Amino acid sequence: MRTAKIDRKTKETDIRITISLDGEGKYAIDTSIPFLDHMLSLMCKHGIFDMKLKAKGDIDIDFHHTVEDIGIVLGKAVKQALGNMKGISRYGQASVPMDEALASVSLDISGRPYLVYKVEFPKRSKIKDFDIDLIEDFLQAFISHSGITLHVSVLYGRNSHHMIEAIFKALGRALRNAVSIDQRMRGVPSTKGKL
């Protein structure tokens, strides 16, 4: 089983994560930010990853440090769980509708972190007390520490919650495809011989 465990403690956050890329979609997530808990749960369910995540942070100031640091820890965990990356499919893509919204996620486990984020939310900038700009910050932290090239776009949508939900479901499905083992692949999926 491809698993990882990461603990990260700073003056602003204290985060523990365990992940299995070959899981059953089981999760126990407590970030102290209910909206983020919901989104990460969706990602695990649709990615069929098992994940335990416990995070404490200075959310009395705002959610930024905690959200970004969770992205860092998740990125490190995915990279560690991938190990030598031999036999992985490498690429993943998914388009997911959520009622009126449609999100598309394409990714490459390339070793070259790069984020393209084409999402225009309606005028509302918060969902309850969650600043929706933090989604891009989370994804940037995730790709920077996992070495993934990630393209995210929402083709259309009216409801910010639906748009973000579609992103996380699509991310789970695309990542699931990319980390899956292709029995025909010998070594790493690169003509360079290294990712």
N, C-alpha and C. Protein backbone atom coordinates (compact mmCIF):
# COMPACT_ATOMS: atom_id res chain seq x y z
N MET A 1 0.86 -1.20 0.00
CA MET A 1 0.00 0.00 0.00
C MET A 1 0.89 1.24 0.00
N ARG A 2 0.51 2.20 -0.82
CA ARG A 2 1.26 3.46 -0.90
C ARG A 2 0.67 4.43 0.11
N THR A 3 1.40 4.60 1.20
CA THR A 3 0.90 5.41 2.31
C THR A 3 1.96 6.42 2.73
N ALA A 4 1.51 7.42 3.49
CA ALA A 4 2.43 8.41 4.03
C ALA A 4 1.83 8.98 5.31
N LYS A 5 2.73 9.41 6.18
CA LYS A 5 2.33 10.10 7.40
C LYS A 5 3.23 11.32 7.55
N ILE A 6 2.63 12.48 7.72
CA ILE A 6 3.37 13.73 7.87
C ILE A 6 2.84 14.47 9.09
N ASP A 7 3.76 14.96 9.90
CA ASP A 7 3.43 15.86 11.01
C ASP A 7 4.17 17.17 10.75
N ARG A 8 3.47 18.28 10.89
CA ARG A 8 4.10 19.59 10.68
C ARG A 8 3.58 20.55 11.74
N LYS A 9 4.52 21.12 12.48
CA LYS A 9 4.13 22.07 13.54
C LYS A 9 4.92 23.35 13.37
N THR A 10 4.20 24.47 13.34
CA THR A 10 4.83 25.79 13.31
C THR A 10 4.22 26.62 14.44
N LYS A 11 4.60 27.87 14.52
CA LYS A 11 4.01 28.76 15.52
C LYS A 11 2.55 29.09 15.19
N GLU A 12 2.16 28.81 13.94
CA GLU A 12 0.80 29.15 13.49
C GLU A 12 -0.12 27.94 13.37
N THR A 13 0.46 26.76 13.06
CA THR A 13 -0.38 25.58 12.82
C THR A 13 0.26 24.31 13.37
N ASP A 14 -0.57 23.32 13.61
CA ASP A 14 -0.14 21.99 14.04
C ASP A 14 -0.99 20.99 13.25
N ILE A 15 -0.35 20.27 12.33
CA ILE A 15 -1.10 19.43 11.38
C ILE A 15 -0.51 18.03 11.34
N ARG A 16 -1.40 17.03 11.39
CA ARG A 16 -1.03 15.63 11.26
C ARG A 16 -1.90 15.00 10.16
N ILE A 17 -1.24 14.27 9.27
CA ILE A 17 -1.98 13.62 8.19
C ILE A 17 -1.43 12.24 7.93
N THR A 18 -2.33 11.30 7.66
CA THR A 18 -1.95 10.00 7.10
C THR A 18 -2.83 9.81 5.86
N ILE A 19 -2.22 9.25 4.83
CA ILE A 19 -2.97 9.05 3.58
C ILE A 19 -2.58 7.72 2.96
N SER A 20 -3.55 7.08 2.35
CA SER A 20 -3.32 5.88 1.54
C SER A 20 -3.91 6.13 0.16
N LEU A 21 -3.06 6.06 -0.85
CA LEU A 21 -3.53 6.27 -2.22
C LEU A 21 -4.32 5.08 -2.74
N ASP A 22 -4.16 3.93 -2.09
CA ASP A 22 -4.86 2.70 -2.50
C ASP A 22 -5.93 2.36 -1.48
N GLY A 23 -6.76 3.33 -1.18
CA GLY A 23 -7.73 3.17 -0.11
C GLY A 23 -9.11 2.80 -0.60
N GLU A 24 -10.08 3.10 0.25
CA GLU A 24 -11.48 2.79 -0.01
C GLU A 24 -12.37 4.03 0.07
N GLY A 25 -11.75 5.20 0.17
CA GLY A 25 -12.53 6.43 0.28
C GLY A 25 -12.97 6.73 1.70
N LYS A 26 -12.21 6.20 2.69
CA LYS A 26 -12.54 6.45 4.09
C LYS A 26 -11.76 7.66 4.57
N TYR A 27 -12.38 8.48 5.40
CA TYR A 27 -11.72 9.70 5.84
C TYR A 27 -12.21 10.11 7.23
N ALA A 28 -11.31 10.78 7.94
CA ALA A 28 -11.62 11.41 9.22
C ALA A 28 -10.87 12.74 9.20
N ILE A 29 -11.59 13.81 8.95
CA ILE A 29 -10.98 15.11 8.71
C ILE A 29 -11.51 16.13 9.70
N ASP A 30 -10.59 16.79 10.38
CA ASP A 30 -10.96 17.84 11.32
C ASP A 30 -9.92 18.95 11.22
N THR A 31 -10.25 19.98 10.46
CA THR A 31 -9.34 21.11 10.27
C THR A 31 -9.75 22.33 11.10
N SER A 32 -10.85 22.23 11.82
CA SER A 32 -11.47 23.36 12.53
C SER A 32 -12.11 24.36 11.57
N ILE A 33 -12.13 24.00 10.28
CA ILE A 33 -12.77 24.84 9.26
C ILE A 33 -13.79 23.96 8.54
N PRO A 34 -15.05 24.00 8.96
CA PRO A 34 -16.05 23.05 8.44
C PRO A 34 -16.15 23.00 6.91
N PHE A 35 -16.08 24.13 6.24
CA PHE A 35 -16.20 24.11 4.79
C PHE A 35 -15.03 23.34 4.15
N LEU A 36 -13.82 23.54 4.67
CA LEU A 36 -12.67 22.82 4.14
C LEU A 36 -12.76 21.33 4.46
N ASP A 37 -13.25 20.99 5.64
CA ASP A 37 -13.48 19.57 5.98
C ASP A 37 -14.37 18.92 4.92
N HIS A 38 -15.44 19.62 4.57
CA HIS A 38 -16.40 19.11 3.58
C HIS A 38 -15.73 18.89 2.22
N MET A 39 -14.93 19.86 1.78
CA MET A 39 -14.29 19.76 0.48
C MET A 39 -13.25 18.64 0.44
N LEU A 40 -12.44 18.52 1.50
CA LEU A 40 -11.44 17.45 1.53
C LEU A 40 -12.08 16.07 1.63
N SER A 41 -13.22 15.99 2.31
CA SER A 41 -13.96 14.73 2.38
C SER A 41 -14.44 14.32 0.99
N LEU A 42 -14.91 15.28 0.21
CA LEU A 42 -15.35 15.00 -1.16
C LEU A 42 -14.17 14.51 -2.00
N MET A 43 -13.02 15.16 -1.86
CA MET A 43 -11.84 14.76 -2.62
C MET A 43 -11.46 13.32 -2.31
N CYS A 44 -11.48 12.95 -1.02
CA CYS A 44 -11.14 11.58 -0.63
C CYS A 44 -12.14 10.57 -1.16
N LYS A 45 -13.42 10.89 -1.03
CA LYS A 45 -14.47 9.96 -1.47
C LYS A 45 -14.35 9.68 -2.97
N HIS A 46 -14.18 10.74 -3.75
CA HIS A 46 -14.14 10.58 -5.20
C HIS A 46 -12.77 10.13 -5.70
N GLY A 47 -11.72 10.35 -4.89
CA GLY A 47 -10.40 9.85 -5.24
C GLY A 47 -10.17 8.42 -4.76
N ILE A 48 -11.07 7.95 -3.90
CA ILE A 48 -10.96 6.65 -3.23
C ILE A 48 -9.64 6.58 -2.44
N PHE A 49 -9.33 7.68 -1.76
CA PHE A 49 -8.17 7.73 -0.87
C PHE A 49 -8.66 7.59 0.56
N ASP A 50 -7.84 6.96 1.39
CA ASP A 50 -8.09 6.96 2.83
C ASP A 50 -7.24 8.07 3.44
N MET A 51 -7.85 8.89 4.28
CA MET A 51 -7.10 9.99 4.85
C MET A 51 -7.59 10.31 6.25
N LYS A 52 -6.62 10.51 7.15
CA LYS A 52 -6.90 11.06 8.47
C LYS A 52 -6.14 12.38 8.54
N LEU A 53 -6.85 13.43 8.90
CA LEU A 53 -6.25 14.76 8.95
C LEU A 53 -6.76 15.50 10.17
N LYS A 54 -5.82 15.96 10.97
CA LYS A 54 -6.16 16.77 12.15
C LYS A 54 -5.32 18.02 12.07
N ALA A 55 -5.97 19.18 12.10
CA ALA A 55 -5.25 20.45 12.00
C ALA A 55 -5.78 21.43 13.03
N LYS A 56 -4.84 22.11 13.67
CA LYS A 56 -5.16 23.23 14.55
C LYS A 56 -4.37 24.42 14.05
N GLY A 57 -4.99 25.58 14.06
CA GLY A 57 -4.29 26.76 13.58
C GLY A 57 -4.82 28.03 14.22
N ASP A 58 -4.21 29.13 13.86
CA ASP A 58 -4.59 30.43 14.41
C ASP A 58 -5.81 31.00 13.68
N ILE A 59 -6.89 30.20 13.69
CA ILE A 59 -8.09 30.62 12.95
C ILE A 59 -8.79 31.80 13.62
N ASP A 60 -8.36 32.16 14.83
CA ASP A 60 -8.90 33.37 15.45
C ASP A 60 -8.42 34.61 14.70
N ILE A 61 -7.28 34.49 14.00
CA ILE A 61 -6.79 35.60 13.16
C ILE A 61 -7.53 35.56 11.83
N ASP A 62 -7.32 34.48 11.09
CA ASP A 62 -8.12 34.15 9.91
C ASP A 62 -7.76 32.73 9.51
N PHE A 63 -8.32 32.25 8.41
CA PHE A 63 -8.13 30.86 8.00
C PHE A 63 -6.88 30.65 7.13
N HIS A 64 -6.24 31.74 6.71
CA HIS A 64 -5.21 31.63 5.67
C HIS A 64 -4.07 30.70 6.04
N HIS A 65 -3.46 30.86 7.21
CA HIS A 65 -2.32 30.03 7.57
C HIS A 65 -2.70 28.55 7.61
N THR A 66 -3.86 28.26 8.18
CA THR A 66 -4.28 26.87 8.32
C THR A 66 -4.57 26.24 6.96
N VAL A 67 -5.29 26.95 6.11
CA VAL A 67 -5.63 26.42 4.78
C VAL A 67 -4.37 26.18 3.97
N GLU A 68 -3.47 27.16 3.94
CA GLU A 68 -2.24 27.03 3.16
C GLU A 68 -1.36 25.90 3.70
N ASP A 69 -1.23 25.81 5.02
CA ASP A 69 -0.38 24.76 5.60
C ASP A 69 -0.97 23.37 5.39
N ILE A 70 -2.28 23.24 5.36
CA ILE A 70 -2.89 21.96 5.03
C ILE A 70 -2.54 21.58 3.59
N GLY A 71 -2.55 22.55 2.69
CA GLY A 71 -2.13 22.30 1.31
C GLY A 71 -0.69 21.80 1.24
N ILE A 72 0.19 22.42 2.04
CA ILE A 72 1.60 22.01 2.09
C ILE A 72 1.71 20.56 2.55
N VAL A 73 1.03 20.24 3.66
CA VAL A 73 1.12 18.90 4.25
C VAL A 73 0.52 17.85 3.32
N LEU A 74 -0.61 18.16 2.72
CA LEU A 74 -1.23 17.22 1.78
C LEU A 74 -0.31 16.97 0.58
N GLY A 75 0.29 18.03 0.06
CA GLY A 75 1.22 17.87 -1.06
C GLY A 75 2.39 16.97 -0.70
N LYS A 76 2.98 17.20 0.47
CA LYS A 76 4.10 16.37 0.92
C LYS A 76 3.68 14.91 1.10
N ALA A 77 2.48 14.71 1.63
CA ALA A 77 2.00 13.35 1.87
C ALA A 77 1.77 12.61 0.56
N VAL A 78 1.17 13.27 -0.42
CA VAL A 78 0.94 12.62 -1.72
C VAL A 78 2.28 12.27 -2.36
N LYS A 79 3.22 13.20 -2.32
CA LYS A 79 4.54 12.94 -2.92
C LYS A 79 5.23 11.77 -2.23
N GLN A 80 5.19 11.74 -0.91
CA GLN A 80 5.82 10.64 -0.17
C GLN A 80 5.14 9.31 -0.47
N ALA A 81 3.80 9.31 -0.52
CA ALA A 81 3.06 8.08 -0.78
C ALA A 81 3.33 7.53 -2.18
N LEU A 82 3.63 8.40 -3.12
CA LEU A 82 3.92 7.96 -4.49
C LEU A 82 5.25 7.23 -4.60
N GLY A 83 6.13 7.45 -3.65
CA GLY A 83 7.41 6.74 -3.66
C GLY A 83 8.21 6.98 -4.92
N ASN A 84 8.66 5.91 -5.56
CA ASN A 84 9.49 6.04 -6.76
C ASN A 84 8.67 6.30 -8.03
N MET A 85 7.37 6.28 -7.92
CA MET A 85 6.43 6.59 -9.01
C MET A 85 6.46 5.60 -10.17
N LYS A 86 7.09 4.47 -9.97
CA LYS A 86 7.14 3.47 -11.04
C LYS A 86 5.74 2.93 -11.31
N GLY A 87 5.38 2.89 -12.59
CA GLY A 87 4.12 2.29 -13.00
C GLY A 87 2.89 3.17 -12.90
N ILE A 88 3.04 4.40 -12.38
CA ILE A 88 1.84 5.25 -12.27
C ILE A 88 1.36 5.71 -13.64
N SER A 89 0.09 6.02 -13.73
CA SER A 89 -0.47 6.51 -14.99
C SER A 89 0.01 7.92 -15.30
N ARG A 90 0.37 8.67 -14.29
CA ARG A 90 0.96 10.01 -14.35
C ARG A 90 -0.05 11.11 -14.65
N TYR A 91 -0.87 10.96 -15.65
CA TYR A 91 -1.83 12.00 -16.03
C TYR A 91 -3.23 11.66 -15.53
N GLY A 92 -3.97 12.69 -15.20
CA GLY A 92 -5.35 12.49 -14.80
C GLY A 92 -6.20 13.68 -15.21
N GLN A 93 -7.43 13.38 -15.54
CA GLN A 93 -8.34 14.44 -15.98
C GLN A 93 -9.76 14.06 -15.57
N ALA A 94 -10.51 15.07 -15.14
CA ALA A 94 -11.92 14.84 -14.80
C ALA A 94 -12.69 16.13 -14.95
N SER A 95 -13.89 16.00 -15.48
CA SER A 95 -14.86 17.10 -15.50
C SER A 95 -16.04 16.65 -14.66
N VAL A 96 -16.44 17.51 -13.74
CA VAL A 96 -17.51 17.14 -12.80
C VAL A 96 -18.56 18.24 -12.76
N PRO A 97 -19.82 17.88 -13.01
CA PRO A 97 -20.89 18.86 -12.83
C PRO A 97 -21.39 18.83 -11.38
N MET A 98 -21.76 19.98 -10.90
CA MET A 98 -22.45 20.08 -9.61
C MET A 98 -23.61 21.05 -9.83
N ASP A 99 -24.76 20.48 -10.08
CA ASP A 99 -25.94 21.28 -10.45
C ASP A 99 -25.60 22.20 -11.62
N GLU A 100 -25.60 23.50 -11.42
CA GLU A 100 -25.42 24.45 -12.54
C GLU A 100 -23.95 24.70 -12.87
N ALA A 101 -23.03 24.19 -12.04
CA ALA A 101 -21.60 24.45 -12.22
C ALA A 101 -20.90 23.26 -12.87
N LEU A 102 -19.86 23.55 -13.64
CA LEU A 102 -19.06 22.51 -14.28
C LEU A 102 -17.58 22.85 -14.11
N ALA A 103 -16.84 21.94 -13.46
CA ALA A 103 -15.40 22.14 -13.23
C ALA A 103 -14.61 21.09 -13.99
N SER A 104 -13.44 21.51 -14.46
CA SER A 104 -12.52 20.62 -15.16
C SER A 104 -11.16 20.69 -14.48
N VAL A 105 -10.59 19.53 -14.20
CA VAL A 105 -9.27 19.44 -13.60
C VAL A 105 -8.42 18.49 -14.44
N SER A 106 -7.23 18.97 -14.83
CA SER A 106 -6.25 18.14 -15.52
C SER A 106 -4.95 18.25 -14.76
N LEU A 107 -4.26 17.12 -14.60
CA LEU A 107 -3.00 17.19 -13.85
C LEU A 107 -1.98 16.21 -14.39
N ASP A 108 -0.73 16.54 -14.08
CA ASP A 108 0.42 15.76 -14.50
C ASP A 108 1.35 15.64 -13.30
N ILE A 109 1.61 14.41 -12.86
CA ILE A 109 2.58 14.20 -11.78
C ILE A 109 3.95 14.23 -12.43
N SER A 110 4.44 15.43 -12.63
CA SER A 110 5.61 15.68 -13.48
C SER A 110 6.88 15.99 -12.70
N GLY A 111 6.74 16.34 -11.42
CA GLY A 111 7.88 16.86 -10.68
C GLY A 111 8.07 18.35 -10.90
N ARG A 112 7.21 18.94 -11.74
CA ARG A 112 7.29 20.37 -12.04
C ARG A 112 6.00 21.05 -11.56
N PRO A 113 6.03 21.65 -10.37
CA PRO A 113 4.81 22.28 -9.87
C PRO A 113 4.42 23.50 -10.69
N TYR A 114 3.18 23.51 -11.13
CA TYR A 114 2.67 24.65 -11.89
C TYR A 114 1.15 24.66 -11.76
N LEU A 115 0.60 25.81 -11.44
CA LEU A 115 -0.85 25.93 -11.29
C LEU A 115 -1.41 26.90 -12.30
N VAL A 116 -2.40 26.44 -13.05
CA VAL A 116 -3.23 27.30 -13.88
C VAL A 116 -4.63 27.26 -13.26
N TYR A 117 -5.12 28.41 -12.85
CA TYR A 117 -6.37 28.49 -12.09
C TYR A 117 -7.29 29.48 -12.78
N LYS A 118 -8.25 28.97 -13.52
CA LYS A 118 -9.17 29.83 -14.27
C LYS A 118 -10.57 29.67 -13.69
N VAL A 119 -10.80 30.42 -12.62
CA VAL A 119 -12.06 30.35 -11.90
C VAL A 119 -12.52 31.77 -11.59
N GLU A 120 -13.69 32.10 -12.05
CA GLU A 120 -14.27 33.41 -11.75
C GLU A 120 -15.55 33.18 -10.96
N PHE A 121 -15.46 33.53 -9.67
CA PHE A 121 -16.61 33.37 -8.80
C PHE A 121 -17.58 34.53 -8.96
N PRO A 122 -18.85 34.29 -8.61
CA PRO A 122 -19.79 35.41 -8.54
C PRO A 122 -19.31 36.43 -7.50
N LYS A 123 -20.00 37.52 -7.38
CA LYS A 123 -19.57 38.62 -6.51
C LYS A 123 -19.35 38.21 -5.06
N ARG A 124 -20.09 37.23 -4.59
CA ARG A 124 -19.94 36.80 -3.20
C ARG A 124 -18.53 36.27 -2.96
N SER A 125 -17.81 36.80 -1.98
CA SER A 125 -16.42 36.42 -1.75
C SER A 125 -16.26 35.44 -0.60
N LYS A 126 -17.34 35.15 0.12
CA LYS A 126 -17.26 34.23 1.24
C LYS A 126 -18.40 33.23 1.21
N ILE A 127 -18.11 32.04 1.71
CA ILE A 127 -19.14 31.04 1.99
C ILE A 127 -19.16 30.91 3.50
N LYS A 128 -20.22 31.42 4.10
CA LYS A 128 -20.29 31.59 5.54
C LYS A 128 -19.10 32.46 5.95
N ASP A 129 -18.11 31.91 6.67
CA ASP A 129 -16.95 32.71 7.06
C ASP A 129 -15.68 32.28 6.33
N PHE A 130 -15.83 31.49 5.26
CA PHE A 130 -14.69 31.00 4.49
C PHE A 130 -14.46 31.88 3.28
N ASP A 131 -13.28 32.49 3.19
CA ASP A 131 -12.90 33.34 2.06
C ASP A 131 -12.57 32.45 0.87
N ILE A 132 -13.32 32.56 -0.22
CA ILE A 132 -13.15 31.64 -1.35
C ILE A 132 -11.83 31.85 -2.10
N ASP A 133 -11.16 32.98 -1.88
CA ASP A 133 -9.83 33.17 -2.47
C ASP A 133 -8.82 32.16 -1.92
N LEU A 134 -9.11 31.58 -0.76
CA LEU A 134 -8.19 30.63 -0.15
C LEU A 134 -8.10 29.31 -0.92
N ILE A 135 -9.07 29.04 -1.78
CA ILE A 135 -9.01 27.82 -2.59
C ILE A 135 -7.78 27.84 -3.48
N GLU A 136 -7.52 28.95 -4.13
CA GLU A 136 -6.33 29.06 -4.98
C GLU A 136 -5.06 28.94 -4.14
N ASP A 137 -5.02 29.53 -2.96
CA ASP A 137 -3.86 29.44 -2.08
C ASP A 137 -3.62 27.99 -1.65
N PHE A 138 -4.69 27.28 -1.33
CA PHE A 138 -4.59 25.87 -0.96
C PHE A 138 -3.99 25.05 -2.11
N LEU A 139 -4.52 25.25 -3.32
CA LEU A 139 -4.04 24.48 -4.47
C LEU A 139 -2.59 24.82 -4.80
N GLN A 140 -2.21 26.09 -4.67
CA GLN A 140 -0.82 26.49 -4.92
C GLN A 140 0.12 25.79 -3.95
N ALA A 141 -0.25 25.76 -2.68
CA ALA A 141 0.58 25.09 -1.68
C ALA A 141 0.65 23.59 -1.97
N PHE A 142 -0.48 23.00 -2.35
CA PHE A 142 -0.53 21.57 -2.64
C PHE A 142 0.40 21.21 -3.80
N ILE A 143 0.32 21.92 -4.90
CA ILE A 143 1.14 21.57 -6.07
C ILE A 143 2.62 21.88 -5.82
N SER A 144 2.90 22.93 -5.07
CA SER A 144 4.30 23.29 -4.80
C SER A 144 5.02 22.20 -4.03
N HIS A 145 4.31 21.46 -3.20
CA HIS A 145 4.94 20.44 -2.37
C HIS A 145 4.70 19.01 -2.86
N SER A 146 3.86 18.85 -3.87
CA SER A 146 3.67 17.51 -4.45
C SER A 146 4.39 17.38 -5.79
N GLY A 147 4.78 18.50 -6.40
CA GLY A 147 5.43 18.45 -7.71
C GLY A 147 4.47 18.14 -8.83
N ILE A 148 3.24 18.63 -8.71
CA ILE A 148 2.20 18.35 -9.69
C ILE A 148 1.92 19.60 -10.53
N THR A 149 1.76 19.40 -11.82
CA THR A 149 1.23 20.44 -12.70
C THR A 149 -0.29 20.29 -12.68
N LEU A 150 -0.99 21.39 -12.36
CA LEU A 150 -2.44 21.32 -12.16
C LEU A 150 -3.13 22.45 -12.90
N HIS A 151 -4.09 22.07 -13.73
CA HIS A 151 -4.93 23.04 -14.44
C HIS A 151 -6.36 22.89 -13.92
N VAL A 152 -6.90 23.97 -13.40
CA VAL A 152 -8.26 23.97 -12.85
C VAL A 152 -9.06 25.05 -13.55
N SER A 153 -10.21 24.69 -14.04
CA SER A 153 -11.10 25.70 -14.62
C SER A 153 -12.54 25.37 -14.28
N VAL A 154 -13.30 26.41 -14.04
CA VAL A 154 -14.75 26.26 -13.90
C VAL A 154 -15.34 26.91 -15.13
N LEU A 155 -15.96 26.09 -15.96
CA LEU A 155 -16.47 26.58 -17.23
C LEU A 155 -17.64 27.54 -17.03
N TYR A 156 -18.47 27.21 -16.04
CA TYR A 156 -19.57 28.10 -15.69
C TYR A 156 -20.13 27.68 -14.35
N GLY A 157 -20.89 28.57 -13.77
CA GLY A 157 -21.51 28.30 -12.47
C GLY A 157 -22.08 29.58 -11.91
N ARG A 158 -23.06 29.42 -11.04
CA ARG A 158 -23.71 30.56 -10.41
C ARG A 158 -23.48 30.57 -8.90
N ASN A 159 -23.38 29.40 -8.33
CA ASN A 159 -23.26 29.25 -6.89
C ASN A 159 -21.82 28.90 -6.52
N SER A 160 -21.17 29.73 -5.71
CA SER A 160 -19.76 29.53 -5.35
C SER A 160 -19.54 28.18 -4.68
N HIS A 161 -20.43 27.78 -3.80
CA HIS A 161 -20.30 26.48 -3.13
C HIS A 161 -20.29 25.35 -4.16
N HIS A 162 -21.20 25.38 -5.10
CA HIS A 162 -21.25 24.35 -6.13
C HIS A 162 -19.99 24.34 -6.98
N MET A 163 -19.48 25.52 -7.29
CA MET A 163 -18.27 25.63 -8.11
C MET A 163 -17.07 24.99 -7.41
N ILE A 164 -16.91 25.30 -6.12
CA ILE A 164 -15.79 24.75 -5.36
C ILE A 164 -15.97 23.25 -5.14
N GLU A 165 -17.19 22.83 -4.88
CA GLU A 165 -17.46 21.40 -4.71
C GLU A 165 -17.11 20.62 -5.97
N ALA A 166 -17.45 21.16 -7.12
CA ALA A 166 -17.11 20.51 -8.39
C ALA A 166 -15.60 20.43 -8.57
N ILE A 167 -14.87 21.47 -8.15
CA ILE A 167 -13.40 21.46 -8.25
C ILE A 167 -12.82 20.32 -7.41
N PHE A 168 -13.26 20.19 -6.16
CA PHE A 168 -12.67 19.17 -5.29
C PHE A 168 -13.05 17.76 -5.70
N LYS A 169 -14.26 17.57 -6.19
CA LYS A 169 -14.63 16.25 -6.71
C LYS A 169 -13.79 15.90 -7.94
N ALA A 170 -13.62 16.87 -8.83
CA ALA A 170 -12.82 16.65 -10.04
C ALA A 170 -11.36 16.42 -9.68
N LEU A 171 -10.85 17.14 -8.68
CA LEU A 171 -9.47 16.95 -8.25
C LEU A 171 -9.28 15.52 -7.72
N GLY A 172 -10.21 15.05 -6.92
CA GLY A 172 -10.12 13.68 -6.42
C GLY A 172 -10.10 12.66 -7.54
N ARG A 173 -10.98 12.83 -8.50
CA ARG A 173 -11.07 11.86 -9.61
C ARG A 173 -9.85 11.93 -10.51
N ALA A 174 -9.37 13.13 -10.81
CA ALA A 174 -8.19 13.28 -11.66
C ALA A 174 -6.95 12.71 -10.97
N LEU A 175 -6.80 12.98 -9.68
CA LEU A 175 -5.66 12.47 -8.93
C LEU A 175 -5.71 10.94 -8.83
N ARG A 176 -6.91 10.42 -8.63
CA ARG A 176 -7.09 8.96 -8.60
C ARG A 176 -6.60 8.33 -9.90
N ASN A 177 -6.95 8.92 -11.03
CA ASN A 177 -6.51 8.39 -12.33
C ASN A 177 -4.99 8.48 -12.46
N ALA A 178 -4.42 9.60 -12.04
CA ALA A 178 -2.98 9.83 -12.23
C ALA A 178 -2.13 8.91 -11.36
N VAL A 179 -2.56 8.63 -10.14
CA VAL A 179 -1.75 7.80 -9.24
C VAL A 179 -1.98 6.30 -9.45
N SER A 180 -3.00 5.95 -10.24
CA SER A 180 -3.30 4.54 -10.45
C SER A 180 -2.15 3.85 -11.17
N ILE A 181 -1.98 2.58 -10.87
CA ILE A 181 -0.90 1.79 -11.46
C ILE A 181 -1.37 1.20 -12.78
N ASP A 182 -0.58 1.42 -13.82
CA ASP A 182 -0.81 0.83 -15.13
C ASP A 182 0.12 -0.37 -15.25
N GLN A 183 -0.46 -1.56 -15.30
CA GLN A 183 0.33 -2.79 -15.31
C GLN A 183 1.25 -2.89 -16.53
N ARG A 184 0.95 -2.16 -17.58
CA ARG A 184 1.78 -2.23 -18.78
C ARG A 184 2.98 -1.29 -18.71
N MET A 185 2.95 -0.34 -17.77
CA MET A 185 4.02 0.64 -17.67
C MET A 185 5.22 0.03 -16.94
N ARG A 186 6.36 0.07 -17.57
CA ARG A 186 7.60 -0.41 -16.95
C ARG A 186 8.40 0.83 -16.51
N GLY A 187 8.74 0.88 -15.25
CA GLY A 187 9.48 2.03 -14.74
C GLY A 187 8.58 3.25 -14.61
N VAL A 188 9.21 4.42 -14.64
CA VAL A 188 8.44 5.66 -14.53
C VAL A 188 7.94 6.07 -15.91
N PRO A 189 6.77 6.72 -15.97
CA PRO A 189 6.20 7.10 -17.27
C PRO A 189 6.83 8.37 -17.84
N SER A 190 8.09 8.26 -18.24
CA SER A 190 8.81 9.38 -18.84
C SER A 190 9.94 8.83 -19.69
N THR A 191 10.16 9.43 -20.86
CA THR A 191 11.27 9.02 -21.71
C THR A 191 12.61 9.42 -21.09
N LYS A 192 12.58 10.35 -20.12
CA LYS A 192 13.80 10.74 -19.41
C LYS A 192 14.27 9.65 -18.44
N GLY A 193 13.31 8.79 -18.02
CA GLY A 193 13.62 7.78 -17.04
C GLY A 193 13.49 8.26 -15.60
N LYS A 194 13.02 9.49 -15.44
CA LYS A 194 12.89 10.08 -14.12
C LYS A 194 11.81 11.15 -14.15
N LEU A 195 11.03 11.23 -13.06
CA LEU A 195 10.05 12.30 -12.92
C LEU A 195 10.54 13.27 -11.87
